C-alpha atoms as a PDB file:
ATOM      1  CA  MET A   1     161.108 217.765 -41.047  1.00  0.00           C
ATOM      2  CA  SER A   2     157.816 218.254 -42.900  1.00  0.00           C
ATOM      3  CA  GLU A   3     154.500 219.171 -40.349  1.00  0.00           C
ATOM      4  CA  LYS A   4     151.742 216.867 -41.209  1.00  0.00           C
ATOM      5  CA  LYS A   5     148.560 218.643 -40.538  1.00  0.00           C
ATOM      6  CA  LYS A   6     146.281 216.199 -39.095  1.00  0.00           C
ATOM      7  CA  VAL A   7     143.040 215.915 -41.124  1.00  0.00           C
ATOM      8  CA  SER A   8     140.237 215.788 -39.928  1.00  0.00           C
ATOM      9  CA  LEU A   9     137.973 212.019 -40.616  1.00  0.00           C
ATOM     10  CA  ALA A  10     135.058 213.680 -42.929  1.00  0.00           C
ATOM     11  CA  GLU A  11     138.265 215.491 -44.905  1.00  0.00           C
ATOM     12  CA  ALA A  12     139.990 212.004 -44.558  1.00  0.00           C
ATOM     13  CA  MET A  13     137.108 209.942 -46.423  1.00  0.00           C
ATOM     14  CA  LYS A  14     136.699 212.472 -49.289  1.00  0.00           C
ATOM     15  CA  GLN A  15     140.852 212.819 -49.989  1.00  0.00           C
ATOM     16  CA  LYS A  16     140.369 208.931 -50.667  1.00  0.00           C
ATOM     17  CA  LEU A  17     136.976 208.761 -51.808  1.00  0.00           C
ATOM     18  CA  ALA A  18     137.970 211.936 -54.799  1.00  0.00           C
ATOM     19  CA  GLN A  19     141.387 209.429 -55.373  1.00  0.00           C
ATOM     20  CA  GLN A  20     139.215 205.996 -55.896  1.00  0.00           C
ATOM     21  CA  THR A  21     137.034 207.816 -58.756  1.00  0.00           C
ATOM     22  CA  SER A  22     139.716 209.247 -60.138  1.00  0.00           C
ATOM     23  CA  GLN A  23     141.267 206.160 -60.522  1.00  0.00           C
ATOM     24  CA  ALA A  24     138.272 204.431 -61.740  1.00  0.00           C
ATOM     25  CA  VAL A  25     138.312 207.397 -64.910  1.00  0.00           C
ATOM     26  CA  GLU A  26     141.437 206.536 -65.260  1.00  0.00           C
ATOM     27  CA  ARG A  27     140.838 202.419 -65.940  1.00  0.00           C
ATOM     28  CA  GLN A  28     137.586 203.619 -67.692  1.00  0.00           C
ATOM     29  CA  GLY A  29     139.541 204.938 -70.005  1.00  0.00           C
ATOM     30  CA  GLN A  30     142.442 202.154 -70.867  1.00  0.00           C
ATOM     31  CA  GLY A  31     139.267 199.555 -70.996  1.00  0.00           C
ATOM     32  CA  LEU A  32     140.269 197.661 -68.590  1.00  0.00           C
ATOM     33  CA  VAL A  33     137.078 197.821 -65.721  1.00  0.00           C
ATOM     34  CA  LYS A  34     134.736 194.285 -66.182  1.00  0.00           C
ATOM     35  CA  LYS A  35     131.272 194.006 -66.621  1.00  0.00           C
ATOM     36  CA  THR A  36     129.470 191.859 -63.984  1.00  0.00           C
ATOM     37  CA  GLN A  37     128.132 188.999 -65.658  1.00  0.00           C
ATOM     38  CA  PRO A  38     125.078 187.081 -64.845  1.00  0.00           C
ATOM     39  CA  LEU A  39     125.725 183.872 -62.289  1.00  0.00           C
ATOM     40  CA  LYS A  40     125.682 180.787 -64.801  1.00  0.00           C
ATOM     41  CA  ASN A  41     125.646 177.629 -62.791  1.00  0.00           C
ATOM     42  CA  GLN A  42     122.931 179.308 -60.777  1.00  0.00           C
ATOM     43  CA  LEU A  43     120.459 179.908 -63.732  1.00  0.00           C
ATOM     44  CA  SER A  44     121.748 176.536 -65.395  1.00  0.00           C
ATOM     45  CA  LYS A  45     120.770 174.148 -62.322  1.00  0.00           C
ATOM     46  CA  LYS A  46     118.327 171.048 -62.743  1.00  0.00           C
ATOM     47  CA  PRO A  47     115.641 171.010 -60.283  1.00  0.00           C
ATOM     48  CA  ASN A  48     116.244 167.986 -57.334  1.00  0.00           C
ATOM     49  CA  ASN A  49     114.059 165.479 -58.328  1.00  0.00           C
ATOM     50  CA  GLN A  50     114.326 163.461 -55.387  1.00  0.00           C
ATOM     51  CA  ARG A  51     111.098 163.388 -54.083  1.00  0.00           C
ATOM     52  CA  LYS A  52     109.356 162.106 -56.964  1.00  0.00           C
ATOM     53  CA  ARG A  53     112.644 159.463 -57.315  1.00  0.00           C
ATOM     54  CA  THR A  54     111.492 158.377 -53.893  1.00  0.00           C
ATOM     55  CA  GLY A  55     107.811 158.085 -53.797  1.00  0.00           C
ATOM     56  CA  VAL A  56     107.755 160.833 -50.697  1.00  0.00           C
END
């Protein structure tokens, strides 16, 4: 059996970050990265005119 040697938390985080960045580069090459779009429902909201209607 092969023994797993203990890895410090900092080293584990560095490895995980390197793995994520390499995956992001691969996805970017495939064109699967989505671009963020502004929320449309908040930009097209109508103002609440209840106070104007009720005369308060």
